Amino acid sequence: MGMSIPQCLGQLHIRKGVVGLATGAGFIYLLYKAIKAGIKCQPPLCTTSPICIARECPGPGERALPQEAPAPEASSVGGPKGLAIERERHGRDSGELRRLLNSLECKQDEYAKSMILHSITRCVYLLEAEASACTTDDIALVGSMLDDKDNSVKIQALNTLKAFSGIRKFRLKVQEHSIKVLELIASIWDSELHISGLRLLNNLPLPDYVHPQLRRVMPALMEILQSDYILAQVQAIRLLSYLAQKNDLVYDILNCQVHANFLNLFQSTQPGSLLFEVLVFAERLSEGRNSPHYRAVKWHYNEQSLHEALFGDESRLADRLLALVIHPEEEVQIQACKVIVSLQCSQDVGVRPSVCQPSRSYFNSGE
């Protein structure tokens, strides 16, 4: 039976008479043997701390298998024992997700909460039946972690909510946290939090009652778009593209203040993934501003607004678009052409909505 290092050293102390007779080299050898024996001891009893979800946590009084243990014997249904994923595949509940959720209810430090939430996220993705058996109270518990003072806990909670949002019956419950997520994005300048929060929002249908909050966070979304963190920029532009399809939000987006170098986002040196999303955004804004609903009102824009950067008299968007027509990536080329067509067809859309007129072209005749 294995012993812990303190037990091994205790036995060594009991035999101090023998050790006293040994030479210096002999003592070092005995100490080495004691430490080696301790390392080979079995691990402690399983606790409620987060563990690898692929290994089932044993019952009370049992010991967890060490990582170096031989492969578990095959079960009667043909799969190995002890694997939570295998147990679910054969219709048996491993209980792993429920244990993790229960442990989240207990008082934990920030690191433990972060790790537990990370494990819950993996469980939701991998243990479909167990995730579907969760309740709305479990979603509320995870959502309460958004109020934690530690950003890493907030980030993991956002990731967990996104995982649950993939289950149809939880979508409305997760959706209830949309306003809180928007507040976090607008009030905390943290790229990882922005990415997690925006990924969650992009995975949800945002109801109309969220629109007032969206208007308030629009400047923050525009700042994220103009940051230097590609993953956050892509998520921000996807959300803005979605919002550009809402008639009551088009003006709020177009009147948002942007930096003088906003059109740098259309440079061919930008990553193709970002360029494509920016071009989709421009096309949807062009369509939105040319809709009968939008054209029925005489709008006024700030001098440094997105509208002036993209569609104003001094805009150089046309030059950027023409350069992107020969971009190495085909999807960027195609999307650039779509934006050009949308701009060309916009001039007389108010008079003849079904026909694109060539008069007063957005582009110079020479181009």
Protein backbone atom coordinates (compact mmCIF):
# COMPACT_ATOMS: atom_id res chain seq x y z
CA MET A 1 0.00 0.00 0.00
CA GLY A 2 1.44 3.43 -0.92
CA MET A 3 2.38 6.05 1.62
CA SER A 4 2.50 9.81 1.43
CA ILE A 5 5.83 11.65 1.64
CA PRO A 6 5.23 12.67 5.31
CA GLN A 7 4.45 9.03 6.22
CA CYS A 8 7.56 7.81 4.47
CA LEU A 9 9.73 10.43 6.18
CA GLY A 10 8.06 9.57 9.52
CA GLN A 11 9.14 5.96 9.19
CA LEU A 12 12.58 7.18 8.27
CA HIS A 13 12.64 9.24 11.49
CA ILE A 14 11.61 6.19 13.58
CA ARG A 15 14.57 4.35 12.21
CA LYS A 16 16.96 7.17 13.10
CA GLY A 17 19.19 4.72 14.88
CA VAL A 18 19.81 2.94 11.62
CA VAL A 19 20.25 6.19 9.73
CA GLY A 20 22.74 7.41 12.32
CA LEU A 21 24.95 4.44 11.48
CA ALA A 22 24.84 5.20 7.80
CA THR A 23 27.34 7.37 6.02
CA GLY A 24 26.38 10.71 4.40
CA ALA A 25 25.95 8.98 1.09
CA GLY A 26 23.73 6.35 2.67
CA PHE A 27 21.44 8.99 4.20
CA ILE A 28 21.01 10.74 0.87
CA TYR A 29 20.14 7.41 -0.74
CA LEU A 30 17.52 6.63 1.92
CA LEU A 31 16.00 10.09 1.54
CA TYR A 32 15.82 9.59 -2.22
CA LYS A 33 14.04 6.25 -1.71
CA ALA A 34 11.57 7.88 0.67
CA ILE A 35 10.70 10.65 -1.75
CA LYS A 36 10.40 8.19 -4.63
CA ALA A 37 8.03 6.03 -2.58
CA GLY A 38 5.91 9.07 -1.78
CA ILE A 39 5.61 10.02 -5.42
CA LYS A 40 4.28 6.56 -6.22
CA CYS A 41 1.55 6.87 -3.59
CA GLN A 42 -2.07 6.94 -4.72
CA PRO A 43 -3.72 10.35 -5.13
CA PRO A 44 -6.06 11.72 -2.46
CA LEU A 45 -9.78 11.09 -2.27
CA CYS A 46 -11.83 12.70 -5.01
CA THR A 47 -13.25 16.10 -4.09
CA THR A 48 -15.66 18.51 -5.69
CA SER A 49 -12.86 20.48 -7.32
CA PRO A 50 -12.98 20.72 -11.12
CA ILE A 51 -11.47 17.70 -12.84
CA CYS A 52 -11.08 16.45 -16.36
CA ILE A 53 -14.61 15.73 -17.53
CA ALA A 54 -13.51 12.68 -19.51
CA ARG A 55 -12.79 10.80 -16.26
CA GLU A 56 -15.64 9.88 -13.95
CA CYS A 57 -15.31 10.97 -10.32
CA PRO A 58 -15.52 7.87 -8.07
CA GLY A 59 -18.01 7.56 -5.27
CA PRO A 60 -17.38 8.39 -1.59
CA GLY A 61 -14.51 6.48 -0.06
CA GLU A 62 -13.05 5.48 -3.41
CA ARG A 63 -9.83 6.81 -4.85
CA ALA A 64 -9.41 8.40 -8.26
CA LEU A 65 -7.32 6.53 -10.77
CA PRO A 66 -3.85 8.03 -11.29
CA GLN A 67 -3.04 9.35 -14.75
CA GLU A 68 -0.58 6.53 -15.29
CA ALA A 69 -3.08 3.83 -14.40
CA PRO A 70 -3.81 1.08 -16.96
CA ALA A 71 -6.80 1.49 -19.21
CA PRO A 72 -10.04 0.60 -17.36
CA GLU A 73 -11.66 -2.72 -18.15
CA ALA A 74 -14.41 -2.83 -20.72
CA SER A 75 -17.95 -2.55 -19.41
CA SER A 76 -20.71 -5.00 -20.20
CA VAL A 77 -22.08 -2.64 -22.86
CA GLY A 78 -18.83 -2.48 -24.72
CA GLY A 79 -17.29 0.81 -23.53
CA PRO A 80 -14.61 1.51 -20.97
CA LYS A 81 -15.69 2.24 -17.41
CA GLY A 82 -14.90 5.62 -15.87
CA LEU A 83 -15.28 7.80 -18.98
CA ALA A 84 -18.10 10.31 -18.59
CA ILE A 85 -18.51 10.67 -22.35
CA GLU A 86 -18.66 6.90 -22.86
CA ARG A 87 -21.15 6.50 -20.02
CA GLU A 88 -23.47 9.06 -21.62
CA ARG A 89 -23.07 7.42 -25.01
CA HIS A 90 -24.46 4.24 -23.48
CA GLY A 91 -27.35 6.06 -21.81
CA ARG A 92 -25.87 6.43 -18.32
CA ASP A 93 -25.55 9.74 -16.49
CA SER A 94 -22.03 10.33 -15.19
CA GLY A 95 -23.26 13.07 -12.85
CA GLU A 96 -20.20 15.14 -13.70
CA LEU A 97 -22.07 18.27 -14.79
CA ARG A 98 -24.38 18.19 -11.76
CA ARG A 99 -21.39 17.85 -9.40
CA LEU A 100 -19.72 20.85 -10.99
CA LEU A 101 -22.87 22.98 -10.77
CA ASN A 102 -23.32 22.00 -7.11
CA SER A 103 -19.73 22.94 -6.37
CA LEU A 104 -20.28 26.32 -8.01
CA GLU A 105 -22.97 27.05 -5.41
CA CYS A 106 -20.44 26.61 -2.63
CA LYS A 107 -18.17 29.44 -1.52
CA GLN A 108 -15.12 29.36 -3.78
CA ASP A 109 -12.23 31.67 -4.50
CA GLU A 110 -11.99 33.39 -7.88
CA TYR A 111 -9.57 30.86 -9.37
CA ALA A 112 -11.73 27.89 -8.33
CA LYS A 113 -14.89 29.53 -9.73
CA SER A 114 -13.12 30.24 -13.00
CA MET A 115 -11.93 26.63 -13.32
CA ILE A 116 -15.33 25.21 -12.39
CA LEU A 117 -17.06 27.38 -15.00
CA HIS A 118 -14.49 26.31 -17.59
CA SER A 119 -15.24 22.65 -16.81
CA ILE A 120 -19.00 23.27 -16.94
CA THR A 121 -18.58 24.81 -20.41
CA ARG A 122 -16.77 21.71 -21.65
CA CYS A 123 -19.43 19.47 -20.09
CA VAL A 124 -22.24 21.33 -21.84
CA TYR A 125 -20.55 20.89 -25.21
CA LEU A 126 -19.56 17.24 -24.71
CA LEU A 127 -22.27 15.76 -22.46
CA GLU A 128 -25.40 16.67 -24.40
CA ALA A 129 -27.92 14.64 -22.38
CA GLU A 130 -26.64 15.92 -19.04
CA ALA A 131 -26.64 19.50 -20.33
CA SER A 132 -30.23 19.18 -21.54
CA ALA A 133 -31.24 17.86 -18.11
CA CYS A 134 -30.14 21.12 -16.46
CA THR A 135 -32.70 23.67 -15.28
CA THR A 136 -33.25 27.40 -15.71
CA ASP A 137 -32.02 27.75 -12.12
CA ASP A 138 -28.65 26.46 -13.32
CA ILE A 139 -28.60 29.15 -16.02
CA ALA A 140 -29.44 31.77 -13.40
CA LEU A 141 -26.60 30.49 -11.20
CA VAL A 142 -24.11 30.84 -14.05
CA GLY A 143 -25.54 34.25 -14.94
CA SER A 144 -24.99 35.43 -11.36
CA MET A 145 -21.25 34.96 -11.92
CA LEU A 146 -21.36 37.97 -14.27
CA ASP A 147 -21.49 40.11 -11.12
CA ASP A 148 -18.25 38.67 -9.77
CA LYS A 149 -15.51 41.21 -9.14
CA ASP A 150 -12.93 39.15 -11.02
CA ASN A 151 -12.83 39.55 -14.82
CA SER A 152 -11.64 35.98 -15.40
CA VAL A 153 -14.78 34.67 -13.68
CA LYS A 154 -16.94 36.97 -15.81
CA ILE A 155 -15.22 35.72 -18.97
CA GLN A 156 -15.73 32.05 -18.07
CA ALA A 157 -19.38 32.75 -17.17
CA LEU A 158 -19.90 34.33 -20.60
CA ASN A 159 -18.39 31.26 -22.26
CA THR A 160 -20.64 28.97 -20.22
CA LEU A 161 -23.76 30.98 -21.12
CA LYS A 162 -22.78 30.75 -24.79
CA ALA A 163 -22.50 26.97 -24.45
CA PHE A 164 -25.99 26.77 -22.88
CA SER A 165 -27.40 29.09 -25.57
CA GLY A 166 -26.84 26.28 -28.06
CA ILE A 167 -29.62 24.32 -26.32
CA ARG A 168 -32.98 25.52 -27.61
CA LYS A 169 -34.91 25.41 -24.34
CA PHE A 170 -32.35 27.64 -22.62
CA ARG A 171 -32.06 30.35 -25.26
CA LEU A 172 -34.71 32.63 -23.79
CA LYS A 173 -33.24 32.28 -20.30
CA VAL A 174 -29.76 33.10 -21.55
CA GLN A 175 -31.23 35.98 -23.54
CA GLU A 176 -32.34 37.59 -20.25
CA HIS A 177 -28.68 38.37 -19.55
CA SER A 178 -28.21 40.35 -22.79
CA ILE A 179 -28.44 43.77 -21.14
CA LYS A 180 -25.93 42.79 -18.46
CA VAL A 181 -23.54 41.51 -21.14
CA LEU A 182 -23.82 44.78 -23.05
CA GLU A 183 -23.06 46.72 -19.86
CA LEU A 184 -19.93 44.66 -19.27
CA ILE A 185 -18.73 45.19 -22.84
CA ALA A 186 -19.24 48.95 -22.58
CA SER A 187 -17.77 49.42 -19.11
CA ILE A 188 -14.73 47.10 -19.06
CA TRP A 189 -11.91 47.48 -21.57
CA ASP A 190 -10.69 43.90 -21.73
CA SER A 191 -10.19 42.19 -25.10
CA GLU A 192 -10.92 38.67 -23.82
CA LEU A 193 -14.12 39.84 -22.15
CA HIS A 194 -15.13 41.66 -25.33
CA ILE A 195 -14.59 38.52 -27.40
CA SER A 196 -16.54 36.26 -25.03
CA GLY A 197 -19.37 38.75 -24.59
CA LEU A 198 -19.73 39.51 -28.28
CA ARG A 199 -19.60 35.82 -29.22
CA LEU A 200 -22.48 35.24 -26.83
CA LEU A 201 -24.52 38.12 -28.25
CA ASN A 202 -23.81 36.98 -31.82
CA ASN A 203 -25.22 33.58 -30.89
CA LEU A 204 -28.52 35.05 -29.68
CA PRO A 205 -31.48 36.76 -31.33
CA LEU A 206 -31.60 40.15 -29.62
CA PRO A 207 -35.18 41.23 -28.81
CA ASP A 208 -36.48 44.74 -29.39
CA TYR A 209 -36.42 45.62 -25.69
CA VAL A 210 -32.62 45.47 -25.83
CA HIS A 211 -32.42 48.20 -28.50
CA PRO A 212 -32.26 51.15 -26.04
CA GLN A 213 -29.25 49.56 -24.37
CA LEU A 214 -27.71 48.85 -27.77
CA ARG A 215 -27.94 52.54 -28.63
CA ARG A 216 -26.05 53.39 -25.45
CA VAL A 217 -23.23 50.93 -26.15
CA MET A 218 -22.91 51.77 -29.85
CA PRO A 219 -19.87 54.06 -29.27
CA ALA A 220 -18.14 51.26 -27.35
CA LEU A 221 -18.82 48.78 -30.16
CA MET A 222 -17.37 51.26 -32.65
CA GLU A 223 -14.25 51.68 -30.49
CA ILE A 224 -13.77 47.91 -30.33
CA LEU A 225 -14.10 47.78 -34.11
CA GLN A 226 -11.31 50.34 -34.44
CA SER A 227 -9.02 48.62 -31.92
CA ASP A 228 -6.01 46.52 -32.91
CA TYR A 229 -7.30 43.16 -31.67
CA ILE A 230 -8.52 41.20 -34.69
CA LEU A 231 -10.70 38.65 -32.87
CA ALA A 232 -12.57 41.37 -30.97
CA GLN A 233 -12.90 43.47 -34.14
CA VAL A 234 -14.44 40.57 -36.07
CA GLN A 235 -16.98 39.87 -33.32
CA ALA A 236 -17.87 43.57 -33.02
CA ILE A 237 -18.39 44.01 -36.77
CA ARG A 238 -20.58 40.90 -36.91
CA LEU A 239 -22.84 42.32 -34.23
CA LEU A 240 -22.93 45.72 -35.94
CA SER A 241 -23.80 44.06 -39.26
CA TYR A 242 -26.69 42.28 -37.58
CA LEU A 243 -27.90 45.54 -36.02
CA ALA A 244 -27.60 47.36 -39.37
CA GLN A 245 -30.55 45.26 -40.54
CA LYS A 246 -32.79 46.79 -37.87
CA ASN A 247 -34.58 49.85 -39.27
CA ASP A 248 -34.70 51.67 -35.94
CA LEU A 249 -30.94 51.30 -35.36
CA VAL A 250 -29.53 52.30 -38.77
CA TYR A 251 -29.34 56.01 -37.93
CA ASP A 252 -27.71 55.35 -34.54
CA ILE A 253 -24.99 53.35 -36.27
CA LEU A 254 -24.45 55.84 -39.10
CA ASN A 255 -24.29 58.81 -36.74
CA CYS A 256 -21.73 57.13 -34.49
CA GLN A 257 -18.46 59.05 -34.25
CA VAL A 258 -15.44 57.32 -35.76
CA HIS A 259 -11.72 58.04 -36.01
CA ALA A 260 -10.36 60.02 -38.96
CA ASN A 261 -8.58 56.89 -40.21
CA PHE A 262 -11.68 54.65 -40.13
CA LEU A 263 -11.26 53.71 -43.79
CA ASN A 264 -8.01 51.97 -42.89
CA LEU A 265 -10.26 49.03 -42.08
CA PHE A 266 -10.78 48.70 -45.85
CA GLN A 267 -7.07 48.52 -46.67
CA SER A 268 -5.95 45.40 -48.51
CA THR A 269 -3.31 44.79 -45.83
CA GLN A 270 -6.01 43.91 -43.30
CA PRO A 271 -6.65 40.19 -42.61
CA GLY A 272 -9.09 38.72 -45.10
CA SER A 273 -11.51 37.61 -42.37
CA LEU A 274 -11.82 41.17 -41.08
CA LEU A 275 -12.01 42.72 -44.55
CA PHE A 276 -14.87 40.45 -45.53
CA GLU A 277 -16.89 41.31 -42.41
CA VAL A 278 -16.24 45.06 -42.85
CA LEU A 279 -17.46 44.86 -46.44
CA VAL A 280 -20.63 43.00 -45.38
CA PHE A 281 -21.19 45.76 -42.82
CA ALA A 282 -20.79 48.46 -45.49
CA GLU A 283 -23.22 46.69 -47.83
CA ARG A 284 -25.89 46.36 -45.15
CA LEU A 285 -25.53 50.01 -44.16
CA SER A 286 -25.85 51.02 -47.81
CA GLU A 287 -29.01 48.94 -48.13
CA GLY A 288 -30.37 50.27 -44.85
CA ARG A 289 -29.94 53.94 -45.74
CA ASN A 290 -31.64 53.35 -49.11
CA SER A 291 -34.71 51.65 -47.68
CA PRO A 292 -38.04 53.54 -48.03
CA HIS A 293 -38.34 53.65 -44.24
CA TYR A 294 -35.00 55.42 -43.88
CA ARG A 295 -35.35 57.74 -46.87
CA ALA A 296 -38.69 59.03 -45.57
CA VAL A 297 -36.81 61.16 -43.00
CA LYS A 298 -34.29 63.95 -43.49
CA TRP A 299 -31.37 62.87 -41.29
CA HIS A 300 -28.53 65.03 -40.01
CA TYR A 301 -25.11 63.58 -39.19
CA ASN A 302 -22.09 64.64 -37.19
CA GLU A 303 -19.08 65.73 -39.23
CA GLN A 304 -17.01 62.83 -37.86
CA SER A 305 -19.81 60.29 -38.18
CA LEU A 306 -19.60 56.89 -39.78
CA HIS A 307 -22.00 58.14 -42.45
CA GLU A 308 -19.56 60.86 -43.52
CA ALA A 309 -16.63 58.40 -43.50
CA LEU A 310 -18.45 55.94 -45.74
CA PHE A 311 -20.97 57.90 -47.78
CA GLY A 312 -20.08 61.59 -47.37
CA ASP A 313 -18.96 63.86 -50.23
CA GLU A 314 -15.33 63.68 -49.07
CA SER A 315 -15.27 59.92 -48.52
CA ARG A 316 -12.52 57.89 -50.23
CA LEU A 317 -14.40 54.62 -49.86
CA ALA A 318 -14.64 54.22 -53.64
CA ASP A 319 -10.86 54.13 -53.97
CA ARG A 320 -10.59 51.47 -51.28
CA LEU A 321 -13.28 49.34 -52.86
CA LEU A 322 -11.69 49.42 -56.30
CA ALA A 323 -8.39 48.29 -54.79
CA LEU A 324 -10.15 45.36 -53.11
CA VAL A 325 -11.60 44.10 -56.40
CA ILE A 326 -8.17 42.57 -57.11
CA HIS A 327 -7.66 41.27 -53.56
CA PRO A 328 -6.03 37.78 -53.41
CA GLU A 329 -9.01 36.30 -51.54
CA GLU A 330 -12.01 35.63 -53.75
CA GLU A 331 -14.67 36.20 -51.09
CA VAL A 332 -13.21 39.66 -50.46
CA GLN A 333 -13.31 40.43 -54.19
CA ILE A 334 -16.94 39.33 -54.48
CA GLN A 335 -18.03 41.26 -51.41
CA ALA A 336 -16.25 44.41 -52.62
CA CYS A 337 -18.17 44.15 -55.90
CA LYS A 338 -21.42 43.78 -53.97
CA VAL A 339 -20.74 47.01 -52.09
CA ILE A 340 -19.91 48.81 -55.35
CA VAL A 341 -23.15 47.63 -56.95
CA SER A 342 -25.11 48.67 -53.86
CA LEU A 343 -23.59 52.17 -53.98
CA GLN A 344 -24.17 52.52 -57.72
CA CYS A 345 -27.79 51.46 -57.44
CA SER A 346 -28.54 53.81 -54.56
CA GLN A 347 -28.75 57.12 -56.42
CA ASP A 348 -32.34 57.03 -57.72
CA VAL A 349 -33.74 54.28 -55.55
CA GLY A 350 -36.19 56.74 -53.98
CA VAL A 351 -37.73 57.48 -57.41
CA ARG A 352 -37.64 54.05 -59.01
CA PRO A 353 -37.00 51.42 -56.29
CA SER A 354 -36.85 48.52 -58.72
CA VAL A 355 -34.37 50.05 -61.16
CA CYS A 356 -30.72 51.05 -60.72
CA GLN A 357 -30.01 54.29 -62.53
CA PRO A 358 -26.47 55.09 -63.78
CA SER A 359 -26.90 58.86 -63.26
CA ARG A 360 -24.69 60.71 -60.76
CA SER A 361 -22.45 57.73 -60.17
CA TYR A 362 -20.76 57.28 -56.83
CA PHE A 363 -17.56 56.63 -58.78
CA ASN A 364 -15.72 58.93 -61.12
CA SER A 365 -16.53 58.29 -64.77
CA GLY A 366 -12.89 57.55 -65.52
CA GLU A 367 -12.86 54.78 -62.93
